Each structure stands twice: as structure tokens, then as C-alpha cells.
Amino acid sequence: MNWSKHELHVLKTQETRFSDDIVFEVIPEVMGIRRLEEVHVEGLVFYERSSDRFIIEASITGTMILPCSITLEDVAVPFTAEMDVTYAFDPDDDPDVKLITKDGLDLRESILSAIWLEKPLAVTKPGLTTYPKGDGWEILSEDDYAKSKASEPDPRLAKLKDFKINEEEV
């Protein structure tokens, strides 16, 4: 998803639709995404004469592989993301406008940012039935937790079990 400066000057005369599959070899570890598969981008590039800017609207689909928050195993999560980005040769200190470098325009960083915004905070592997446990700790399912809480007396009422009513005085 690159356009050279020469190609961008040609694009100034017309709108251009694009559709491409992208492979991300390296993803920054801080994103928490192990890998991306089947990433497809479709969109439109057009030049806005009044502001001398290129506007790119795109739709991104694919599958992100994330770690399960319980077992750390791979979990495939399908995603759909939308991207609207503005580029200019001279951004005029506008933080919403990205600079077109001397090499041209590369959409990969913007695409990766749009995908990252769709990443869920946590995922669990579907159909997980056994949970890990160790020395002094274990992970409980919501049902097991609810059962353990139901069998425990309310600590606010614990003193009442020591209270004995004199039946003779009643």
C-alpha cells in the first residue's frame, strides 16, 4: 500500500479505488497482537484541491491472533475496521494530518493503527472447560464462583449464628 510522489501527483486528477491483501511480517510487541492473517484492505483515495490534501477512506478485514487471557493459547478473532486518514505534503501543524515523506505515502502504519483500535481488551478460548491452578491459587469459572459464594454465609451476618434466643422468655 505505497504510492510514490509521482503517483500521488497523477492521483490529483482522479479518484482511485484500491483493493489489496497485506501481510504484516513484524507487529510491535506492545500492541499485544501475536500475528495478523488474511488482512484485506479496500478503499478510495481522492485529492481535495481546496486544502491540498489526500483523503483515504478504507475498510479493513482479517483475523488477529491474540493470547487467551487464561491459558495464553492462540485465539483467532475476526475483525472489521474502518479508516479515514488525511495526508499532505505540508501538514501545517495540524495533528490530524499525516505528512507524506520524501519516499511517498505508505498506508501500512495507519492500517495497523486502525486494526489495533479494534483489538479487544481480553479474549478467552472458546469451549474452555479446565482452568489452570497452582500452589495456593486456582481460576474459577463464573458458575463455580457463584456456587462457592452461595454456600458461604454472609460475613456481615456471621455474628448472628452465635446469637441464641431463649425460648423460655418468649
C-alpha atoms as a PDB file:
ATOM      1  CA  MET A   1       0.000   0.000   0.000  1.00  0.00           C
ATOM      2  CA  ASN A   2       2.574   2.516  -1.185  1.00  0.00           C
ATOM      3  CA  TRP A   3       2.300   5.401  -3.599  1.00  0.00           C
ATOM      4  CA  SER A   4       5.333   7.374  -4.745  1.00  0.00           C
ATOM      5  CA  LYS A   5       5.215  11.170  -5.004  1.00  0.00           C
ATOM      6  CA  HIS A   6       4.922  10.878  -8.774  1.00  0.00           C
ATOM      7  CA  GLU A   7       1.934   8.527  -8.456  1.00  0.00           C
ATOM      8  CA  LEU A   8       0.341  10.944  -5.977  1.00  0.00           C
ATOM      9  CA  HIS A   9       0.639  13.830  -8.457  1.00  0.00           C
ATOM     10  CA  VAL A  10      -1.148  11.666 -11.032  1.00  0.00           C
ATOM     11  CA  LEU A  11      -3.817  10.865  -8.411  1.00  0.00           C
ATOM     12  CA  LYS A  12      -4.560  14.590  -8.085  1.00  0.00           C
ATOM     13  CA  THR A  13      -6.593  14.377 -11.282  1.00  0.00           C
ATOM     14  CA  GLN A  14      -8.810  11.442 -10.352  1.00  0.00           C
ATOM     15  CA  GLU A  15     -10.288   9.355  -7.550  1.00  0.00           C
ATOM     16  CA  THR A  16      -8.713   5.931  -7.239  1.00  0.00           C
ATOM     17  CA  ARG A  17     -10.176   2.791  -5.741  1.00  0.00           C
ATOM     18  CA  PHE A  18      -7.802   0.202  -4.350  1.00  0.00           C
ATOM     19  CA  SER A  19      -8.071  -3.335  -3.046  1.00  0.00           C
ATOM     20  CA  ASP A  20      -5.148  -5.318  -1.703  1.00  0.00           C
ATOM     21  CA  ASP A  21      -4.137  -8.114   0.648  1.00  0.00           C
ATOM     22  CA  ILE A  22      -1.438  -7.135   3.143  1.00  0.00           C
ATOM     23  CA  VAL A  23       0.996  -9.294   5.084  1.00  0.00           C
ATOM     24  CA  PHE A  24       2.448  -7.873   8.292  1.00  0.00           C
ATOM     25  CA  GLU A  25       5.724  -9.667   8.980  1.00  0.00           C
ATOM     26  CA  VAL A  26       6.510  -7.703  12.155  1.00  0.00           C
ATOM     27  CA  ILE A  27       3.973  -6.315  14.625  1.00  0.00           C
ATOM     28  CA  PRO A  28       5.182  -4.214  17.574  1.00  0.00           C
ATOM     29  CA  GLU A  29       5.006  -6.352  20.719  1.00  0.00           C
ATOM     30  CA  VAL A  30       3.390  -3.521  22.680  1.00  0.00           C
ATOM     31  CA  MET A  31       0.209  -3.983  20.582  1.00  0.00           C
ATOM     32  CA  GLY A  32      -0.476  -7.378  22.159  1.00  0.00           C
ATOM     33  CA  ILE A  33      -1.291  -8.952  18.798  1.00  0.00           C
ATOM     34  CA  ARG A  34       0.645 -12.124  18.036  1.00  0.00           C
ATOM     35  CA  ARG A  35       0.007 -12.067  14.295  1.00  0.00           C
ATOM     36  CA  LEU A  36      -2.435 -10.926  11.626  1.00  0.00           C
ATOM     37  CA  GLU A  37      -3.877 -13.216   8.984  1.00  0.00           C
ATOM     38  CA  GLU A  38      -5.887 -12.634   5.808  1.00  0.00           C
ATOM     39  CA  VAL A  39      -5.760  -8.829   6.074  1.00  0.00           C
ATOM     40  CA  HIS A  40      -7.646  -7.282   3.158  1.00  0.00           C
ATOM     41  CA  VAL A  41      -7.958  -3.552   2.536  1.00  0.00           C
ATOM     42  CA  GLU A  42     -10.429  -1.873   0.178  1.00  0.00           C
ATOM     43  CA  GLY A  43     -10.746   1.841  -0.168  1.00  0.00           C
ATOM     44  CA  LEU A  44     -10.720   5.098  -2.016  1.00  0.00           C
ATOM     45  CA  VAL A  45      -8.044   7.779  -2.404  1.00  0.00           C
ATOM     46  CA  PHE A  46      -9.033  11.228  -3.538  1.00  0.00           C
ATOM     47  CA  TYR A  47      -7.398  14.616  -3.687  1.00  0.00           C
ATOM     48  CA  GLU A  48      -9.040  17.625  -2.084  1.00  0.00           C
ATOM     49  CA  ARG A  49      -7.937  20.687  -4.070  1.00  0.00           C
ATOM     50  CA  SER A  50      -9.069  23.334  -1.580  1.00  0.00           C
ATOM     51  CA  SER A  51      -6.783  22.062   1.186  1.00  0.00           C
ATOM     52  CA  ASP A  52      -4.123  20.356  -0.991  1.00  0.00           C
ATOM     53  CA  ARG A  53      -4.609  17.069   0.895  1.00  0.00           C
ATOM     54  CA  PHE A  54      -5.155  13.423   0.084  1.00  0.00           C
ATOM     55  CA  ILE A  55      -8.031  11.743   1.873  1.00  0.00           C
ATOM     56  CA  ILE A  56      -8.068   7.980   2.203  1.00  0.00           C
ATOM     57  CA  GLU A  57     -11.140   6.040   3.255  1.00  0.00           C
ATOM     58  CA  ALA A  58     -10.712   2.308   3.691  1.00  0.00           C
ATOM     59  CA  SER A  59     -12.334  -0.791   5.093  1.00  0.00           C
ATOM     60  CA  ILE A  60     -10.069  -3.447   6.601  1.00  0.00           C
ATOM     61  CA  THR A  61     -10.984  -7.070   7.327  1.00  0.00           C
ATOM     62  CA  GLY A  62      -8.991 -10.006   8.603  1.00  0.00           C
ATOM     63  CA  THR A  63      -8.177 -12.154  11.600  1.00  0.00           C
ATOM     64  CA  MET A  64      -5.987 -11.231  14.553  1.00  0.00           C
ATOM     65  CA  ILE A  65      -4.349 -13.906  16.676  1.00  0.00           C
ATOM     66  CA  LEU A  66      -4.387 -12.926  20.361  1.00  0.00           C
ATOM     67  CA  PRO A  67      -3.313 -14.723  23.545  1.00  0.00           C
ATOM     68  CA  CYS A  68      -6.074 -16.260  25.667  1.00  0.00           C
ATOM     69  CA  SER A  69      -6.246 -14.284  28.903  1.00  0.00           C
ATOM     70  CA  ILE A  70      -6.453 -17.522  30.936  1.00  0.00           C
ATOM     71  CA  THR A  71      -4.230 -20.071  29.177  1.00  0.00           C
ATOM     72  CA  LEU A  72      -2.129 -17.835  26.868  1.00  0.00           C
ATOM     73  CA  GLU A  73      -3.007 -20.109  23.922  1.00  0.00           C
ATOM     74  CA  ASP A  74      -3.674 -18.561  20.500  1.00  0.00           C
ATOM     75  CA  VAL A  75      -7.230 -17.351  19.857  1.00  0.00           C
ATOM     76  CA  ALA A  76      -8.352 -16.257  16.379  1.00  0.00           C
ATOM     77  CA  VAL A  77     -10.507 -13.111  16.461  1.00  0.00           C
ATOM     78  CA  PRO A  78     -12.042 -11.846  13.188  1.00  0.00           C
ATOM     79  CA  PHE A  79     -12.182  -8.067  12.809  1.00  0.00           C
ATOM     80  CA  THR A  80     -13.511  -5.309  10.608  1.00  0.00           C
ATOM     81  CA  ALA A  81     -12.068  -1.808  10.861  1.00  0.00           C
ATOM     82  CA  GLU A  82     -12.750   1.490   9.153  1.00  0.00           C
ATOM     83  CA  MET A  83     -10.053   4.039   8.423  1.00  0.00           C
ATOM     84  CA  ASP A  84     -10.267   7.711   7.407  1.00  0.00           C
ATOM     85  CA  VAL A  85      -6.855   9.344   7.157  1.00  0.00           C
ATOM     86  CA  THR A  86      -5.727  12.655   5.721  1.00  0.00           C
ATOM     87  CA  TYR A  87      -2.227  13.106   4.257  1.00  0.00           C
ATOM     88  CA  ALA A  88      -0.481  16.224   2.976  1.00  0.00           C
ATOM     89  CA  PHE A  89       2.902  17.275   1.631  1.00  0.00           C
ATOM     90  CA  ASP A  90       2.885  20.080   4.211  1.00  0.00           C
ATOM     91  CA  PRO A  91       0.623  19.352   7.224  1.00  0.00           C
ATOM     92  CA  ASP A  92       0.727  22.958   8.599  1.00  0.00           C
ATOM     93  CA  ASP A  93       0.991  21.793  12.238  1.00  0.00           C
ATOM     94  CA  ASP A  94      -2.379  20.042  12.070  1.00  0.00           C
ATOM     95  CA  PRO A  95      -2.116  16.959  14.338  1.00  0.00           C
ATOM     96  CA  ASP A  96      -4.838  15.128  12.401  1.00  0.00           C
ATOM     97  CA  VAL A  97      -2.951  15.349   9.102  1.00  0.00           C
ATOM     98  CA  LYS A  98      -0.094  12.942   8.395  1.00  0.00           C
ATOM     99  CA  LEU A  99       2.973  14.010   6.460  1.00  0.00           C
ATOM    100  CA  ILE A 100       3.800  12.468   3.106  1.00  0.00           C
ATOM    101  CA  THR A 101       7.510  11.643   3.314  1.00  0.00           C
ATOM    102  CA  LYS A 102      10.074  12.050   0.572  1.00  0.00           C
ATOM    103  CA  ASP A 103       9.600   8.368  -0.308  1.00  0.00           C
ATOM    104  CA  GLY A 104       5.859   8.829  -0.796  1.00  0.00           C
ATOM    105  CA  LEU A 105       2.791   7.578   1.010  1.00  0.00           C
ATOM    106  CA  ASP A 106       2.775   4.289   2.950  1.00  0.00           C
ATOM    107  CA  LEU A 107      -0.541   3.203   4.473  1.00  0.00           C
ATOM    108  CA  ARG A 108       0.781   0.252   6.491  1.00  0.00           C
ATOM    109  CA  GLU A 109       1.219   2.248   9.727  1.00  0.00           C
ATOM    110  CA  SER A 110      -2.281   3.729   9.504  1.00  0.00           C
ATOM    111  CA  ILE A 111      -3.769   0.322   8.689  1.00  0.00           C
ATOM    112  CA  LEU A 112      -2.026  -1.257  11.676  1.00  0.00           C
ATOM    113  CA  SER A 113      -3.311   1.541  13.944  1.00  0.00           C
ATOM    114  CA  ALA A 114      -6.883   1.023  12.732  1.00  0.00           C
ATOM    115  CA  ILE A 115      -6.603  -2.724  13.392  1.00  0.00           C
ATOM    116  CA  TRP A 116      -5.175  -2.110  16.866  1.00  0.00           C
ATOM    117  CA  LEU A 117      -8.191   0.049  17.752  1.00  0.00           C
ATOM    118  CA  GLU A 118     -10.411  -2.993  17.099  1.00  0.00           C
ATOM    119  CA  LYS A 119      -8.396  -5.269  19.422  1.00  0.00           C
ATOM    120  CA  PRO A 120     -10.492  -6.473  22.376  1.00  0.00           C
ATOM    121  CA  LEU A 121      -9.081  -5.911  25.865  1.00  0.00           C
ATOM    122  CA  ALA A 122      -9.189  -9.618  26.702  1.00  0.00           C
ATOM    123  CA  VAL A 123     -10.242 -12.841  24.980  1.00  0.00           C
ATOM    124  CA  THR A 124     -10.752 -16.362  26.237  1.00  0.00           C
ATOM    125  CA  LYS A 125     -10.517 -19.525  24.244  1.00  0.00           C
ATOM    126  CA  PRO A 126     -13.995 -20.770  23.270  1.00  0.00           C
ATOM    127  CA  GLY A 127     -15.046 -24.020  24.903  1.00  0.00           C
ATOM    128  CA  LEU A 128     -12.538 -23.773  27.733  1.00  0.00           C
ATOM    129  CA  THR A 129     -13.567 -26.354  30.370  1.00  0.00           C
ATOM    130  CA  THR A 130     -10.473 -26.859  32.501  1.00  0.00           C
ATOM    131  CA  TYR A 131      -8.853 -23.901  34.173  1.00  0.00           C
ATOM    132  CA  PRO A 132      -5.261 -23.709  35.391  1.00  0.00           C
ATOM    133  CA  LYS A 133      -4.415 -23.912  39.085  1.00  0.00           C
ATOM    134  CA  GLY A 134      -1.287 -23.950  41.162  1.00  0.00           C
ATOM    135  CA  ASP A 135       0.035 -23.957  44.706  1.00  0.00           C
ATOM    136  CA  GLY A 136      -2.482 -21.890  46.675  1.00  0.00           C
ATOM    137  CA  TRP A 137      -4.398 -20.494  43.692  1.00  0.00           C
ATOM    138  CA  GLU A 138      -6.880 -21.543  41.044  1.00  0.00           C
ATOM    139  CA  ILE A 139      -9.012 -19.923  38.416  1.00  0.00           C
ATOM    140  CA  LEU A 140     -12.748 -20.457  38.836  1.00  0.00           C
ATOM    141  CA  SER A 141     -15.447 -20.274  36.198  1.00  0.00           C
ATOM    142  CA  GLU A 142     -18.271 -17.841  36.886  1.00  0.00           C
ATOM    143  CA  ASP A 143     -20.611 -20.747  37.747  1.00  0.00           C
ATOM    144  CA  ASP A 144     -18.132 -22.262  40.234  1.00  0.00           C
ATOM    145  CA  TYR A 145     -17.582 -18.846  41.808  1.00  0.00           C
ATOM    146  CA  ALA A 146     -21.336 -18.290  42.191  1.00  0.00           C
ATOM    147  CA  LYS A 147     -21.745 -21.752  43.816  1.00  0.00           C
ATOM    148  CA  SER A 148     -18.936 -21.098  46.303  1.00  0.00           C
ATOM    149  CA  LYS A 149     -20.419 -17.721  47.224  1.00  0.00           C
ATOM    150  CA  ALA A 150     -23.883 -19.237  47.699  1.00  0.00           C
ATOM    151  CA  SER A 151     -22.586 -21.834  50.168  1.00  0.00           C
ATOM    152  CA  GLU A 152     -20.641 -19.239  52.207  1.00  0.00           C
ATOM    153  CA  PRO A 153     -22.551 -17.312  54.858  1.00  0.00           C
ATOM    154  CA  ASP A 154     -22.616 -13.557  54.518  1.00  0.00           C
ATOM    155  CA  PRO A 155     -19.730 -12.223  56.693  1.00  0.00           C
ATOM    156  CA  ARG A 156     -21.923  -9.330  57.836  1.00  0.00           C
ATOM    157  CA  LEU A 157     -24.305 -11.838  59.378  1.00  0.00           C
ATOM    158  CA  ALA A 158     -21.650 -14.200  60.840  1.00  0.00           C
ATOM    159  CA  LYS A 159     -22.146 -12.888  64.408  1.00  0.00           C
ATOM    160  CA  LEU A 160     -25.819 -13.842  64.310  1.00  0.00           C
ATOM    161  CA  LYS A 161     -25.034 -17.567  64.303  1.00  0.00           C
ATOM    162  CA  ASP A 162     -23.617 -17.170  67.858  1.00  0.00           C
ATOM    163  CA  PHE A 163     -26.831 -15.479  68.951  1.00  0.00           C
ATOM    164  CA  LYS A 164     -29.166 -17.841  70.850  1.00  0.00           C
ATOM    165  CA  ILE A 165     -32.736 -16.991  71.606  1.00  0.00           C
ATOM    166  CA  ASN A 166     -34.022 -18.042  74.984  1.00  0.00           C
ATOM    167  CA  GLU A 167     -37.181 -19.866  74.079  1.00  0.00           C
ATOM    168  CA  GLU A 168     -38.371 -19.745  77.703  1.00  0.00           C
ATOM    169  CA  GLU A 169     -38.563 -15.961  77.718  1.00  0.00           C
ATOM    170  CA  VAL A 170     -40.514 -15.751  74.505  1.00  0.00           C
END
